[in-house]
Structures are given as structure tokens and as C-alpha cells.
């Protein structure tokens, strides 16, 4: 049972299936994702000329997924590359990808990233792998077991 108005993303507290034995039967239905409404409307449209561009995927006239030639070629390159390592990457990822994506996102200049001390042991590795310079700041004072605001302000840029 759908408890929503067709033109609204609001939900009511009507259960999805009040007669269900599920422990989740009392949970209200989440709002519908708008793009799914477009897909549903398109599938119900009887026009032979319809074209569903709602999901950003290409399909043949038979409704089957269409593999673009550029995608097919990229797959061939990946499959035939005997030098590529096809094992699990380390937790820090692919170094060349990290480097190039950080340049794309942050620019070519070496930016500084401030991380808290203490922090999770793996966090510095992500930024180092991205080629960024790390600076640490202390936010926790172990003597007072509270916020070290003064230290944070002094170190902050």
C-alpha cells in the first residue's frame, strides 16, 4: 500500500504492508525517487515513438542495454593490457590515480591538509598518497580530557 500522493514526496505514517509479519511493517515508506517515476511513466506509455532518457542509459529498440563502441574499445584495452595488475589494490589505492585525481580536484599546487591529532591511523595515508602536505593540530587535551581550543587556534592557518 502506497501512502503517498502521486505528486508529493511526503510520506504518511501508514505502514507499507499493515498485515505483514515483518518487524519493519510499521516503518513508513520512504519517498519515491523522482527518476523512478519517470521510468514508470515511460514504461506505461503506449507510444511506439517513446524514448526513455530518464536514467541516462542507452537501450536498443528491443529494450536491451546498448554497449557503446567507445565502451567496448575501452574494455578491450583493459582486457588485453598484460602489464596491468589485476589484483586488489592496497588500502591507499592506485598511486597514479591518486596523484592525478588530486591534481584534478585540488589543482597542481601542493596544498596543505590539516588533520587532528589524534586521528585514525589510516587517515594520513590517504592524504600522503594524494601528494598533499600534512599538518597536524591538537584538538584534545588528555590532561583535561576536553577540547584544546587554544592549541587549535594557535596552529590553525
Protein backbone atom coordinates (compact mmCIF):
# COMPACT_ATOMS: atom_id res chain seq x y z
CA UNK A 1 0.00 0.00 0.00
CA UNK A 2 1.48 3.31 -1.04
CA UNK A 3 0.71 6.07 1.42
CA UNK A 4 1.85 8.94 -0.81
CA UNK A 5 0.07 11.29 -3.13
CA UNK A 6 1.36 10.80 -6.69
CA UNK A 7 2.60 14.40 -6.88
CA UNK A 8 4.16 14.56 -3.44
CA UNK A 9 7.37 13.31 -1.92
CA UNK A 10 5.81 13.40 1.54
CA UNK A 11 5.06 10.20 3.41
CA UNK A 12 2.47 9.40 6.00
CA UNK A 13 2.75 7.01 8.88
CA UNK A 14 0.70 4.36 7.10
CA UNK A 15 2.74 1.16 7.04
CA UNK A 16 3.84 -0.26 3.70
CA UNK A 17 2.01 -3.51 4.41
CA UNK A 18 -0.01 -3.36 7.64
CA UNK A 19 -0.81 -7.09 7.54
CA UNK A 20 2.82 -8.12 7.14
CA UNK A 21 4.56 -10.12 9.83
CA UNK A 22 7.80 -8.25 9.16
CA UNK A 23 9.46 -6.40 12.02
CA UNK A 24 9.61 -3.46 9.60
CA UNK A 25 5.88 -3.38 8.82
CA UNK A 26 5.46 -0.26 10.99
CA UNK A 27 8.16 1.70 9.14
CA UNK A 28 6.73 4.38 6.82
CA UNK A 29 7.55 4.04 3.15
CA UNK A 30 10.37 6.30 2.00
CA UNK A 31 9.64 8.97 -0.60
CA UNK A 32 9.88 7.73 -4.17
CA UNK A 33 13.00 8.73 -6.07
CA UNK A 34 11.75 11.07 -8.83
CA UNK A 35 13.67 9.39 -11.64
CA UNK A 36 11.83 6.12 -10.94
CA UNK A 37 8.52 7.89 -11.52
CA UNK A 38 9.84 8.92 -14.95
CA UNK A 39 10.81 5.31 -15.68
CA UNK A 40 7.39 4.04 -14.61
CA UNK A 41 5.58 6.64 -16.70
CA UNK A 42 7.70 5.76 -19.72
CA UNK A 43 7.08 2.03 -19.34
CA UNK A 44 3.31 2.68 -19.21
CA UNK A 45 3.35 4.98 -22.25
CA UNK A 46 1.93 3.00 -25.22
CA UNK A 47 3.55 5.22 -27.86
CA UNK A 48 5.90 3.30 -30.19
CA UNK A 49 7.87 6.54 -30.60
CA UNK A 50 8.71 6.96 -26.92
CA UNK A 51 12.33 7.25 -25.89
CA UNK A 52 13.30 6.91 -22.24
CA UNK A 53 16.18 9.24 -21.46
CA UNK A 54 15.38 9.28 -17.75
CA UNK A 55 18.11 7.02 -16.41
CA UNK A 56 20.97 8.14 -18.61
CA UNK A 57 21.45 4.70 -20.16
CA UNK A 58 21.18 3.66 -23.76
CA UNK A 59 18.95 0.81 -24.93
CA UNK A 60 18.25 -0.85 -28.26
CA UNK A 61 14.82 -0.77 -29.87
CA UNK A 62 14.22 -4.12 -28.14
CA UNK A 63 14.89 -2.55 -24.74
CA UNK A 64 18.23 -4.32 -24.29
CA UNK A 65 21.28 -2.47 -22.95
CA UNK A 66 23.31 -0.86 -25.74
CA UNK A 67 27.06 -1.10 -25.37
CA UNK A 68 28.64 1.95 -26.98
CA UNK A 69 31.62 1.33 -29.26
CA UNK A 70 33.83 3.52 -27.09
CA UNK A 71 32.96 1.39 -24.04
CA UNK A 72 33.60 -1.82 -25.98
CA UNK A 73 37.01 -0.48 -27.08
CA UNK A 74 37.92 0.56 -23.52
CA UNK A 75 37.03 -2.92 -22.26
CA UNK A 76 39.22 -4.48 -24.97
CA UNK A 77 42.15 -2.28 -23.97
CA UNK A 78 41.75 -3.25 -20.30
CA UNK A 79 41.38 -6.96 -21.06
CA UNK A 80 44.40 -7.04 -23.38
CA UNK A 81 46.72 -5.00 -21.16
CA UNK A 82 49.17 -7.65 -19.93
CA UNK A 83 51.07 -5.12 -17.79
CA UNK A 84 48.10 -4.09 -15.66
CA UNK A 85 47.96 -5.52 -12.16
CA UNK A 86 44.54 -7.08 -11.73
CA UNK A 87 44.72 -7.87 -8.05
CA UNK A 88 43.21 -6.00 -5.13
CA UNK A 89 44.70 -2.56 -4.70
CA UNK A 90 46.26 -1.57 -1.38
CA UNK A 91 44.03 0.38 1.00
CA UNK A 92 45.59 3.63 -0.22
CA UNK A 93 44.50 2.89 -3.80
CA UNK A 94 46.33 3.24 -7.09
CA UNK A 95 49.14 5.80 -6.62
CA UNK A 96 48.99 7.25 -10.14
CA UNK A 97 45.20 7.63 -9.93
CA UNK A 98 45.51 9.31 -6.52
CA UNK A 99 48.10 11.73 -7.84
CA UNK A 100 46.19 12.69 -10.98
CA UNK A 101 42.81 12.93 -9.28
CA UNK A 102 44.24 15.14 -6.54
CA UNK A 103 45.65 17.46 -9.23
CA UNK A 104 42.24 17.48 -10.89
CA UNK A 105 40.41 18.26 -7.65
CA UNK A 106 42.87 20.47 -5.77
CA UNK A 107 44.97 21.90 -8.61
CA UNK A 108 48.64 21.38 -9.40
CA UNK A 109 49.89 23.28 -6.35
CA UNK A 110 50.75 21.22 -3.31
CA UNK A 111 48.05 22.01 -0.81
CA UNK A 112 48.29 21.55 2.91
CA UNK A 113 45.76 19.43 4.76
CA UNK A 114 45.28 19.82 8.50
CA UNK A 115 44.37 16.65 10.33
CA UNK A 116 43.58 16.24 14.01
CA UNK A 117 45.98 14.65 16.47
CA UNK A 118 44.98 12.06 17.50
CA UNK A 119 43.28 10.69 14.39
CA UNK A 120 42.62 7.33 12.80
CA UNK A 121 45.87 5.68 11.77
CA UNK A 122 44.86 5.30 8.13
CA UNK A 123 43.76 8.91 7.53
CA UNK A 124 47.26 10.37 6.99
CA UNK A 125 47.96 7.70 4.36
CA UNK A 126 45.12 8.89 2.13
CA UNK A 127 46.40 12.45 2.02
CA UNK A 128 50.05 11.45 1.64
CA UNK A 129 49.10 9.13 -1.24
CA UNK A 130 47.31 12.08 -2.86
CA UNK A 131 50.55 14.07 -2.70
CA UNK A 132 49.32 16.56 -0.11
CA UNK A 133 51.36 18.06 2.72
CA UNK A 134 50.14 17.18 6.19
CA UNK A 135 49.98 19.44 9.19
CA UNK A 136 48.61 18.18 12.49
CA UNK A 137 46.69 20.08 15.10
CA UNK A 138 45.82 19.01 18.60
CA UNK A 139 42.17 19.31 19.47
CA UNK A 140 42.13 17.03 22.51
CA UNK A 141 43.82 17.77 25.82
CA UNK A 142 44.49 14.50 27.65
CA UNK A 143 45.04 16.31 30.99
CA UNK A 144 41.61 17.94 30.99
CA UNK A 145 40.00 15.24 28.84
CA UNK A 146 38.43 18.02 26.85
CA UNK A 147 38.81 20.32 23.89
CA UNK A 148 42.19 22.03 23.50
CA UNK A 149 40.76 25.13 21.89
CA UNK A 150 43.84 27.30 22.50
CA UNK A 151 46.16 24.87 20.72
CA UNK A 152 43.74 24.50 17.81
CA UNK A 153 43.55 28.28 17.34
CA UNK A 154 47.33 28.74 17.51
CA UNK A 155 48.05 26.05 14.90
CA UNK A 156 45.14 26.82 12.56
CA UNK A 157 46.06 28.81 9.44
